[in-house]
């Protein structure tokens, strides 16, 4: 009986974490998933990225830098694509030789992409309200 209960608690806690932190989990999934794919092709290029201090950098970025309220997206759908984008850009910048700043550059690119998306959304709302005001 306790074994079933403990399994259910693990499943519930895992789903609760996924529901609360989709941005961080999507980033970590894309980050380590893409690095794992690269490791199958060229293990020497990414072997250090699965050890400290690189693991701590990824966890710090996921837990604190990406989820910072002023710059983090509010909607879950935005959190999912921003997390995946930042993870993919982190992998690309590391493989292109950005060195220690690879996560920072990826977060900057994610913030720029989110700003562009929000600007397009605001412009569309502004145009819609102008058309609605002109039709009256």
C-alpha atoms as a PDB file:
ATOM      1  CA  UNK A   1       0.000   0.000   0.000  1.00  0.00           C
ATOM      2  CA  UNK A   2       2.746   2.470   0.861  1.00  0.00           C
ATOM      3  CA  UNK A   3       4.577   1.647  -2.359  1.00  0.00           C
ATOM      4  CA  UNK A   4       1.549   2.687  -4.456  1.00  0.00           C
ATOM      5  CA  UNK A   5       1.129   5.831  -2.394  1.00  0.00           C
ATOM      6  CA  UNK A   6       4.772   6.794  -2.797  1.00  0.00           C
ATOM      7  CA  UNK A   7       4.568   6.271  -6.579  1.00  0.00           C
ATOM      8  CA  UNK A   8       1.494   8.465  -6.770  1.00  0.00           C
ATOM      9  CA  UNK A   9       3.170  11.164  -4.711  1.00  0.00           C
ATOM     10  CA  UNK A  10       6.203  11.108  -6.978  1.00  0.00           C
ATOM     11  CA  UNK A  11       3.999  11.401 -10.053  1.00  0.00           C
ATOM     12  CA  UNK A  12       1.939  14.196  -8.533  1.00  0.00           C
ATOM     13  CA  UNK A  13       4.989  16.135  -7.393  1.00  0.00           C
ATOM     14  CA  UNK A  14       6.583  15.752 -10.822  1.00  0.00           C
ATOM     15  CA  UNK A  15       3.488  17.028 -12.586  1.00  0.00           C
ATOM     16  CA  UNK A  16       3.199  19.895 -10.096  1.00  0.00           C
ATOM     17  CA  UNK A  17       6.786  20.927 -10.796  1.00  0.00           C
ATOM     18  CA  UNK A  18       6.155  20.727 -14.540  1.00  0.00           C
ATOM     19  CA  UNK A  19       3.034  22.856 -14.180  1.00  0.00           C
ATOM     20  CA  UNK A  20       4.796  25.515 -12.116  1.00  0.00           C
ATOM     21  CA  UNK A  21       8.108  25.677 -13.994  1.00  0.00           C
ATOM     22  CA  UNK A  22       7.489  24.999 -17.699  1.00  0.00           C
ATOM     23  CA  UNK A  23      10.040  27.619 -18.747  1.00  0.00           C
ATOM     24  CA  UNK A  24      12.849  26.151 -16.665  1.00  0.00           C
ATOM     25  CA  UNK A  25      12.057  22.544 -17.541  1.00  0.00           C
ATOM     26  CA  UNK A  26      11.756  23.274 -21.253  1.00  0.00           C
ATOM     27  CA  UNK A  27      15.094  25.087 -21.188  1.00  0.00           C
ATOM     28  CA  UNK A  28      16.797  22.230 -19.337  1.00  0.00           C
ATOM     29  CA  UNK A  29      15.231  19.641 -21.642  1.00  0.00           C
ATOM     30  CA  UNK A  30      16.330  21.440 -24.796  1.00  0.00           C
ATOM     31  CA  UNK A  31      19.749  22.273 -23.340  1.00  0.00           C
ATOM     32  CA  UNK A  32      20.681  18.786 -22.179  1.00  0.00           C
ATOM     33  CA  UNK A  33      18.736  16.996 -24.908  1.00  0.00           C
ATOM     34  CA  UNK A  34      20.569  18.791 -27.702  1.00  0.00           C
ATOM     35  CA  UNK A  35      23.923  18.412 -25.944  1.00  0.00           C
ATOM     36  CA  UNK A  36      23.198  14.673 -25.596  1.00  0.00           C
ATOM     37  CA  UNK A  37      22.500  14.441 -29.334  1.00  0.00           C
ATOM     38  CA  UNK A  38      25.767  16.240 -30.052  1.00  0.00           C
ATOM     39  CA  UNK A  39      27.540  13.862 -27.652  1.00  0.00           C
ATOM     40  CA  UNK A  40      26.568  10.921 -29.852  1.00  0.00           C
ATOM     41  CA  UNK A  41      28.302  12.572 -32.809  1.00  0.00           C
ATOM     42  CA  UNK A  42      31.278  14.232 -31.077  1.00  0.00           C
ATOM     43  CA  UNK A  43      31.588  13.343 -27.382  1.00  0.00           C
ATOM     44  CA  UNK A  44      34.801  15.285 -26.884  1.00  0.00           C
ATOM     45  CA  UNK A  45      33.116  18.554 -27.870  1.00  0.00           C
ATOM     46  CA  UNK A  46      30.535  18.435 -25.084  1.00  0.00           C
ATOM     47  CA  UNK A  47      31.884  16.091 -22.427  1.00  0.00           C
ATOM     48  CA  UNK A  48      32.754  18.920 -20.026  1.00  0.00           C
ATOM     49  CA  UNK A  49      29.238  20.362 -20.246  1.00  0.00           C
ATOM     50  CA  UNK A  50      27.821  17.475 -18.235  1.00  0.00           C
ATOM     51  CA  UNK A  51      30.124  18.225 -15.266  1.00  0.00           C
ATOM     52  CA  UNK A  52      30.470  21.058 -12.772  1.00  0.00           C
ATOM     53  CA  UNK A  53      30.614  24.083 -13.172  1.00  0.00           C
ATOM     54  CA  UNK A  54      28.591  23.847 -16.404  1.00  0.00           C
ATOM     55  CA  UNK A  55      25.768  21.902 -14.764  1.00  0.00           C
ATOM     56  CA  UNK A  56      25.493  24.561 -12.061  1.00  0.00           C
ATOM     57  CA  UNK A  57      25.427  27.285 -14.723  1.00  0.00           C
ATOM     58  CA  UNK A  58      22.499  25.603 -16.488  1.00  0.00           C
ATOM     59  CA  UNK A  59      20.604  25.043 -13.236  1.00  0.00           C
ATOM     60  CA  UNK A  60      21.206  28.625 -12.087  1.00  0.00           C
ATOM     61  CA  UNK A  61      20.047  29.953 -15.442  1.00  0.00           C
ATOM     62  CA  UNK A  62      16.923  27.799 -15.342  1.00  0.00           C
ATOM     63  CA  UNK A  63      16.015  28.471 -11.720  1.00  0.00           C
ATOM     64  CA  UNK A  64      16.829  32.161 -11.381  1.00  0.00           C
ATOM     65  CA  UNK A  65      17.708  33.936 -14.598  1.00  0.00           C
ATOM     66  CA  UNK A  66      15.004  32.605 -16.918  1.00  0.00           C
ATOM     67  CA  UNK A  67      12.235  32.768 -14.357  1.00  0.00           C
ATOM     68  CA  UNK A  68      12.927  36.365 -13.323  1.00  0.00           C
ATOM     69  CA  UNK A  69       9.434  37.937 -13.203  1.00  0.00           C
ATOM     70  CA  UNK A  70      10.136  41.182 -15.149  1.00  0.00           C
ATOM     71  CA  UNK A  71      11.457  39.347 -18.196  1.00  0.00           C
ATOM     72  CA  UNK A  72       9.808  35.907 -18.005  1.00  0.00           C
ATOM     73  CA  UNK A  73       6.801  35.280 -20.234  1.00  0.00           C
ATOM     74  CA  UNK A  74       3.513  34.970 -18.410  1.00  0.00           C
ATOM     75  CA  UNK A  75       1.618  32.543 -20.616  1.00  0.00           C
ATOM     76  CA  UNK A  76       2.530  28.869 -20.552  1.00  0.00           C
ATOM     77  CA  UNK A  77       2.703  28.653 -24.346  1.00  0.00           C
ATOM     78  CA  UNK A  78       5.204  31.520 -24.418  1.00  0.00           C
ATOM     79  CA  UNK A  79       7.229  29.888 -21.653  1.00  0.00           C
ATOM     80  CA  UNK A  80       7.463  26.683 -23.650  1.00  0.00           C
ATOM     81  CA  UNK A  81       8.748  28.213 -26.864  1.00  0.00           C
ATOM     82  CA  UNK A  82      11.065  30.675 -25.111  1.00  0.00           C
ATOM     83  CA  UNK A  83      12.549  27.879 -23.003  1.00  0.00           C
ATOM     84  CA  UNK A  84      13.154  25.724 -26.073  1.00  0.00           C
ATOM     85  CA  UNK A  85      14.591  28.679 -27.999  1.00  0.00           C
ATOM     86  CA  UNK A  86      16.972  29.661 -25.200  1.00  0.00           C
ATOM     87  CA  UNK A  87      18.091  26.049 -24.788  1.00  0.00           C
ATOM     88  CA  UNK A  88      18.753  25.667 -28.516  1.00  0.00           C
ATOM     89  CA  UNK A  89      20.610  28.975 -28.727  1.00  0.00           C
ATOM     90  CA  UNK A  90      22.689  28.036 -25.672  1.00  0.00           C
ATOM     91  CA  UNK A  91      23.785  24.854 -27.413  1.00  0.00           C
ATOM     92  CA  UNK A  92      24.530  26.667 -30.670  1.00  0.00           C
ATOM     93  CA  UNK A  93      26.540  29.450 -29.022  1.00  0.00           C
ATOM     94  CA  UNK A  94      28.558  26.968 -26.963  1.00  0.00           C
ATOM     95  CA  UNK A  95      29.373  24.905 -30.033  1.00  0.00           C
ATOM     96  CA  UNK A  96      30.318  28.043 -31.962  1.00  0.00           C
ATOM     97  CA  UNK A  97      32.838  28.959 -29.270  1.00  0.00           C
ATOM     98  CA  UNK A  98      31.140  31.568 -27.098  1.00  0.00           C
ATOM     99  CA  UNK A  99      32.885  30.173 -24.024  1.00  0.00           C
ATOM    100  CA  UNK A 100      31.533  30.961 -20.572  1.00  0.00           C
ATOM    101  CA  UNK A 101      28.957  33.454 -21.855  1.00  0.00           C
ATOM    102  CA  UNK A 102      26.952  30.935 -23.866  1.00  0.00           C
ATOM    103  CA  UNK A 103      23.962  30.866 -21.476  1.00  0.00           C
ATOM    104  CA  UNK A 104      23.945  34.642 -21.063  1.00  0.00           C
ATOM    105  CA  UNK A 105      23.893  35.145 -24.825  1.00  0.00           C
ATOM    106  CA  UNK A 106      21.061  32.645 -25.135  1.00  0.00           C
ATOM    107  CA  UNK A 107      19.004  34.396 -22.440  1.00  0.00           C
ATOM    108  CA  UNK A 108      19.619  37.731 -24.173  1.00  0.00           C
ATOM    109  CA  UNK A 109      18.417  36.260 -27.475  1.00  0.00           C
ATOM    110  CA  UNK A 110      15.338  34.840 -25.750  1.00  0.00           C
ATOM    111  CA  UNK A 111      14.521  38.222 -24.216  1.00  0.00           C
ATOM    112  CA  UNK A 112      14.911  39.907 -27.618  1.00  0.00           C
ATOM    113  CA  UNK A 113      12.602  37.306 -29.208  1.00  0.00           C
ATOM    114  CA  UNK A 114      10.025  37.803 -26.466  1.00  0.00           C
ATOM    115  CA  UNK A 115      10.251  41.599 -26.861  1.00  0.00           C
ATOM    116  CA  UNK A 116       9.689  41.257 -30.615  1.00  0.00           C
ATOM    117  CA  UNK A 117       6.703  38.979 -30.065  1.00  0.00           C
ATOM    118  CA  UNK A 118       5.181  41.344 -27.501  1.00  0.00           C
ATOM    119  CA  UNK A 119       5.772  44.339 -29.786  1.00  0.00           C
ATOM    120  CA  UNK A 120       4.007  42.613 -32.678  1.00  0.00           C
ATOM    121  CA  UNK A 121       1.116  41.711 -30.393  1.00  0.00           C
ATOM    122  CA  UNK A 122       0.793  45.283 -29.102  1.00  0.00           C
ATOM    123  CA  UNK A 123       0.920  46.679 -32.634  1.00  0.00           C
ATOM    124  CA  UNK A 124      -1.806  44.285 -33.746  1.00  0.00           C
ATOM    125  CA  UNK A 125      -4.001  45.286 -30.798  1.00  0.00           C
ATOM    126  CA  UNK A 126      -3.395  48.968 -31.509  1.00  0.00           C
ATOM    127  CA  UNK A 127      -4.295  48.543 -35.189  1.00  0.00           C
ATOM    128  CA  UNK A 128      -7.418  46.581 -34.288  1.00  0.00           C
ATOM    129  CA  UNK A 129      -8.580  49.262 -31.855  1.00  0.00           C
ATOM    130  CA  UNK A 130      -7.905  52.000 -34.434  1.00  0.00           C
ATOM    131  CA  UNK A 131      -9.950  50.148 -37.057  1.00  0.00           C
ATOM    132  CA  UNK A 132     -12.722  49.615 -34.538  1.00  0.00           C
ATOM    133  CA  UNK A 133     -12.732  53.338 -33.628  1.00  0.00           C
ATOM    134  CA  UNK A 134     -12.793  54.368 -37.296  1.00  0.00           C
ATOM    135  CA  UNK A 135     -15.713  52.079 -38.078  1.00  0.00           C
ATOM    136  CA  UNK A 136     -17.913  53.839 -35.510  1.00  0.00           C
END
